[in-house]
Amino acid sequence: MLHVKGLRKTFGDKVVLDDVDLDVAAGEVVCLIGASGSGKSTLLRCLDLLEQADDGDVWLGDTELTDPALDVDAARRRIGVVFQAYNLFPHLSVLRNVTLGQRKVLGRGRRESEARALELLDRVGLADRASAHPDALSGGQQQRVALVRAVAMDPELLLLDEVTSALDPMLVAEVLQVVRDLAASGQTIVMATHEMDFCREVADRVVFLADGRIVEQGPPEQMFTAPADERTRAFLARHLPAAG
């Protein structure tokens, strides 16, 4: 599904991604972990073409995303992204937030797009809030709507960038449940997160980054119980004391 080779990104003199290689299979859930500034968010932004890599290759299926001749809009239609901030349109209802992209980008009619939106909103327990505006929702509800909006576009690849970090701890569980359900449905997900228990439960693979490089990766059981690299062990000792 996704092939990344030799990806490099700098901002001025600062190297943010340094020779990153990553392969993600269809239906796989990959959790990116690491300290703030390790390169997780920049990697996701390069994958969605919000940042232009300085070097390296990125392929989505048989499409080279780093090809200068790429139709960027067509490529982005295949990728869903949800950020820390909900980025909902405040002047639109929940239903219109979820249907707008379907109608404008995918060309779906009103009936089809609304049916898809209501189906997904019902799955996350928000069908009864379809006519509400974002400011009437809790943070957790807004983030669930943001997830629904991304999934409604039927993306091949879903990128999640710290989607719970702006939430009150009491609201984190409801958002993670939506991600858990998406993973169970076979959605391909690359997710930057600090939710270690969630990674242990849901991820197929955990990737640890430090200083813009992938230091170590493997299945959750291996990463959390027997990490090979000292930097991984030090990071997990801070975030998972039992694993230190």
Protein backbone atom coordinates (compact mmCIF):
# COMPACT_ATOMS: atom_id res chain seq x y z
CA MET A 1 0.00 0.00 0.00
CA LEU A 2 2.70 2.49 1.03
CA HIS A 3 6.43 2.42 0.25
CA VAL A 4 8.81 5.08 1.59
CA LYS A 5 12.51 4.97 0.68
CA GLY A 6 15.25 7.36 1.75
CA LEU A 7 12.89 10.16 2.74
CA ARG A 8 14.68 13.33 3.83
CA LYS A 9 13.27 16.66 4.93
CA THR A 10 15.02 19.73 6.29
CA PHE A 11 13.84 23.09 7.57
CA GLY A 12 16.77 25.44 7.11
CA ASP A 13 19.76 23.80 8.77
CA LYS A 14 17.63 21.42 10.82
CA VAL A 15 17.28 17.86 9.53
CA VAL A 16 13.77 16.72 10.48
CA LEU A 17 13.63 13.45 8.53
CA ASP A 18 16.86 11.62 7.77
CA ASP A 19 16.83 8.68 5.35
CA VAL A 20 13.48 7.23 6.46
CA ASP A 21 12.40 3.86 5.01
CA LEU A 22 8.91 2.55 5.75
CA ASP A 23 6.60 -0.01 4.14
CA VAL A 24 2.95 -0.39 5.11
CA ALA A 25 0.78 -3.24 3.86
CA ALA A 26 -2.90 -2.90 2.99
CA GLY A 27 -5.00 -3.24 6.12
CA GLU A 28 -2.02 -2.72 8.43
CA VAL A 29 -2.11 -0.39 11.45
CA VAL A 30 1.26 1.26 12.09
CA CYS A 31 1.77 3.43 15.17
CA LEU A 32 4.58 6.01 15.12
CA ILE A 33 5.97 6.77 18.56
CA GLY A 34 8.75 9.03 19.77
CA ALA A 35 9.38 12.25 21.63
CA SER A 36 8.03 15.56 20.39
CA GLY A 37 10.26 16.75 17.57
CA SER A 38 11.28 13.24 16.52
CA GLY A 39 9.76 13.68 13.05
CA LYS A 40 6.43 11.87 13.36
CA SER A 41 4.19 14.74 12.25
CA THR A 42 6.55 15.83 9.48
CA LEU A 43 6.57 12.29 8.13
CA LEU A 44 2.78 12.26 7.98
CA ARG A 45 2.73 15.69 6.32
CA CYS A 46 5.19 14.49 3.68
CA LEU A 47 3.04 11.43 3.02
CA ASP A 48 0.01 13.65 2.41
CA LEU A 49 2.07 16.11 0.31
CA LEU A 50 1.48 18.96 2.74
CA GLU A 51 5.27 19.17 2.94
CA GLN A 52 7.58 18.52 0.00
CA ALA A 53 10.36 16.08 0.78
CA ASP A 54 13.89 17.16 -0.13
CA ASP A 55 14.91 13.67 -1.19
CA GLY A 56 13.60 10.13 -1.31
CA ASP A 57 10.67 8.31 -2.87
CA VAL A 58 7.11 7.75 -1.66
CA TRP A 59 4.75 5.36 -3.43
CA LEU A 60 1.05 4.82 -2.75
CA GLY A 61 0.26 1.61 -4.54
CA ASP A 62 1.64 2.08 -8.06
CA THR A 63 1.60 5.90 -7.85
CA GLU A 64 4.81 7.76 -7.08
CA LEU A 65 3.81 10.61 -4.76
CA THR A 66 7.25 12.21 -5.11
CA ASP A 67 6.97 12.45 -8.92
CA PRO A 68 7.21 16.16 -9.89
CA ALA A 69 4.54 15.54 -12.55
CA LEU A 70 2.11 14.08 -10.01
CA ASP A 71 -1.52 15.22 -10.00
CA VAL A 72 -1.44 16.22 -6.33
CA ASP A 73 -5.20 16.67 -5.97
CA ALA A 74 -5.88 13.22 -7.42
CA ALA A 75 -3.32 11.67 -5.07
CA ARG A 76 -4.72 13.43 -2.01
CA ARG A 77 -8.19 12.08 -2.79
CA ARG A 78 -6.80 8.65 -1.93
CA ILE A 79 -5.49 9.72 1.48
CA GLY A 80 -7.46 10.78 4.56
CA VAL A 81 -5.84 12.94 7.24
CA VAL A 82 -6.97 13.90 10.74
CA PHE A 83 -4.89 16.30 12.83
CA GLN A 84 -4.76 17.32 16.49
CA ALA A 85 -7.05 20.26 15.76
CA TYR A 86 -10.46 19.22 14.52
CA ASN A 87 -10.51 21.73 11.63
CA LEU A 88 -14.27 21.50 11.21
CA PHE A 89 -16.01 24.32 9.37
CA PRO A 90 -17.68 26.24 12.23
CA HIS A 91 -20.43 27.72 10.06
CA LEU A 92 -21.57 24.33 8.75
CA SER A 93 -23.60 21.65 10.50
CA VAL A 94 -22.05 18.29 11.30
CA LEU A 95 -23.87 16.76 8.34
CA ARG A 96 -22.62 19.41 5.92
CA ASN A 97 -19.08 19.09 7.27
CA VAL A 98 -19.16 15.40 6.39
CA THR A 99 -20.89 15.74 3.02
CA LEU A 100 -19.00 18.74 1.61
CA GLY A 101 -15.91 16.83 0.48
CA GLN A 102 -17.96 13.95 -0.84
CA ARG A 103 -19.96 16.29 -3.06
CA LYS A 104 -17.23 18.71 -4.15
CA VAL A 105 -14.35 16.26 -4.54
CA LEU A 106 -15.92 12.86 -5.20
CA GLY A 107 -18.90 14.21 -7.12
CA ARG A 108 -21.49 12.35 -5.08
CA GLY A 109 -25.05 13.55 -5.13
CA ARG A 110 -26.76 14.97 -2.07
CA ARG A 111 -28.74 11.85 -1.29
CA GLU A 112 -25.77 9.50 -1.56
CA SER A 113 -23.41 11.74 0.40
CA GLU A 114 -25.93 12.31 3.19
CA ALA A 115 -26.70 8.59 3.42
CA ARG A 116 -22.99 7.82 3.74
CA ALA A 117 -22.53 10.57 6.33
CA LEU A 118 -25.46 9.45 8.46
CA GLU A 119 -24.33 5.82 8.30
CA LEU A 120 -20.90 6.76 9.61
CA LEU A 121 -22.21 9.22 12.19
CA ASP A 122 -24.49 6.50 13.50
CA ARG A 123 -21.51 4.15 13.84
CA VAL A 124 -19.75 6.67 16.11
CA GLY A 125 -22.88 7.56 18.09
CA LEU A 126 -23.43 11.00 16.60
CA ALA A 127 -26.33 10.58 14.17
CA ASP A 128 -28.52 12.60 16.53
CA ARG A 129 -26.09 15.54 16.29
CA ALA A 130 -26.12 15.75 12.49
CA SER A 131 -27.86 19.16 12.49
CA ALA A 132 -25.69 20.62 15.27
CA HIS A 133 -22.82 22.99 14.64
CA PRO A 134 -19.29 22.20 15.89
CA ASP A 135 -19.39 24.73 18.74
CA ALA A 136 -22.27 22.75 20.27
CA LEU A 137 -20.13 19.59 20.49
CA SER A 138 -17.52 18.46 22.98
CA GLY A 139 -13.91 18.09 21.84
CA GLY A 140 -14.29 14.34 21.66
CA GLN A 141 -17.42 14.67 19.55
CA GLN A 142 -15.72 17.12 17.20
CA GLN A 143 -12.78 14.78 16.73
CA ARG A 144 -15.15 11.90 16.00
CA VAL A 145 -16.79 14.06 13.33
CA ALA A 146 -13.34 14.84 11.89
CA LEU A 147 -12.63 11.11 11.69
CA VAL A 148 -15.99 10.46 10.05
CA ARG A 149 -15.36 13.25 7.53
CA ALA A 150 -12.05 11.64 6.53
CA VAL A 151 -13.46 8.11 6.34
CA ALA A 152 -16.48 9.27 4.30
CA MET A 153 -14.06 9.95 1.45
CA ASP A 154 -13.21 6.21 1.35
CA PRO A 155 -9.44 6.74 1.60
CA GLU A 156 -7.01 3.97 0.79
CA LEU A 157 -4.71 5.29 3.51
CA LEU A 158 -5.69 7.10 6.71
CA LEU A 159 -3.10 9.28 8.46
CA LEU A 160 -3.79 10.26 12.08
CA ASP A 161 -1.58 12.86 13.75
CA GLU A 162 -1.93 12.83 17.55
CA VAL A 163 -5.71 12.88 17.26
CA THR A 164 -6.20 12.65 21.05
CA SER A 165 -3.52 15.06 22.25
CA ALA A 166 -5.81 18.11 22.37
CA LEU A 167 -8.55 16.28 24.26
CA ASP A 168 -9.43 16.13 27.92
CA PRO A 169 -8.37 12.68 29.20
CA MET A 170 -12.02 11.80 29.79
CA LEU A 171 -12.70 12.18 26.04
CA VAL A 172 -9.72 10.24 24.73
CA ALA A 173 -11.37 6.83 25.03
CA GLU A 174 -14.31 7.69 22.78
CA VAL A 175 -12.02 8.84 19.97
CA LEU A 176 -9.71 5.83 20.30
CA GLN A 177 -12.74 3.55 20.09
CA VAL A 178 -13.51 4.99 16.65
CA VAL A 179 -9.92 4.33 15.54
CA ARG A 180 -10.14 0.82 17.03
CA ASP A 181 -13.29 0.16 14.98
CA LEU A 182 -11.66 1.50 11.81
CA ALA A 183 -8.68 -0.79 12.35
CA ALA A 184 -10.98 -3.75 12.85
CA SER A 185 -12.75 -2.93 9.58
CA GLY A 186 -9.48 -3.29 7.63
CA GLN A 187 -8.64 0.39 7.15
CA THR A 188 -4.94 1.00 6.48
CA ILE A 189 -3.76 3.44 9.17
CA VAL A 190 -0.50 5.22 9.97
CA MET A 191 -0.91 6.95 13.31
CA ALA A 192 1.39 9.18 15.35
CA THR A 193 0.41 8.81 18.99
CA HIS A 194 1.50 8.90 22.63
CA GLU A 195 -1.22 6.40 23.61
CA MET A 196 1.01 3.42 24.37
CA ASP A 197 -1.71 1.13 25.71
CA PHE A 198 -3.66 1.71 22.51
CA CYS A 199 -0.57 0.88 20.41
CA ARG A 200 -0.10 -2.33 22.34
CA GLU A 201 -3.70 -3.36 21.73
CA VAL A 202 -4.38 -2.24 18.15
CA ALA A 203 -1.14 -1.75 16.19
CA ASP A 204 0.23 -4.41 13.90
CA ARG A 205 3.59 -2.65 14.07
CA VAL A 206 5.13 0.04 16.25
CA VAL A 207 7.78 2.35 14.77
CA PHE A 208 10.02 4.37 17.10
CA LEU A 209 11.56 7.57 15.73
CA ALA A 210 14.30 9.72 17.23
CA ASP A 211 16.05 12.70 15.65
CA GLY A 212 14.27 12.16 12.35
CA ARG A 213 15.29 8.53 11.93
CA ILE A 214 13.51 5.23 12.44
CA VAL A 215 15.51 3.68 15.26
CA GLU A 216 13.55 0.48 15.70
CA GLN A 217 10.29 -1.14 14.65
CA GLY A 218 8.44 -4.35 15.31
CA PRO A 219 5.23 -5.89 16.64
CA PRO A 220 3.92 -4.29 19.86
CA GLU A 221 4.82 -7.24 22.07
CA GLN A 222 8.44 -7.09 20.99
CA MET A 223 8.70 -3.30 21.13
CA PHE A 224 7.11 -2.93 24.55
CA THR A 225 8.67 -5.92 26.29
CA ALA A 226 12.06 -6.41 24.63
CA PRO A 227 13.15 -3.32 22.68
CA ALA A 228 16.63 -3.75 21.24
CA ASP A 229 17.85 -0.16 21.11
CA GLU A 230 18.82 1.82 24.21
CA ARG A 231 16.97 4.92 22.94
CA THR A 232 13.76 2.90 22.58
CA ARG A 233 14.20 1.49 26.08
CA ALA A 234 14.77 4.96 27.53
CA PHE A 235 11.68 6.38 25.79
CA LEU A 236 9.46 3.51 26.90
CA ALA A 237 10.80 3.68 30.45
CA ARG A 238 9.33 7.20 30.62
CA HIS A 239 6.03 6.29 29.00
CA LEU A 240 5.59 2.67 30.05
CA PRO A 241 7.42 2.24 33.38
CA ALA A 242 6.62 -1.48 33.44
CA ALA A 243 8.45 -1.91 30.13
CA GLY A 244 11.63 -0.20 31.34
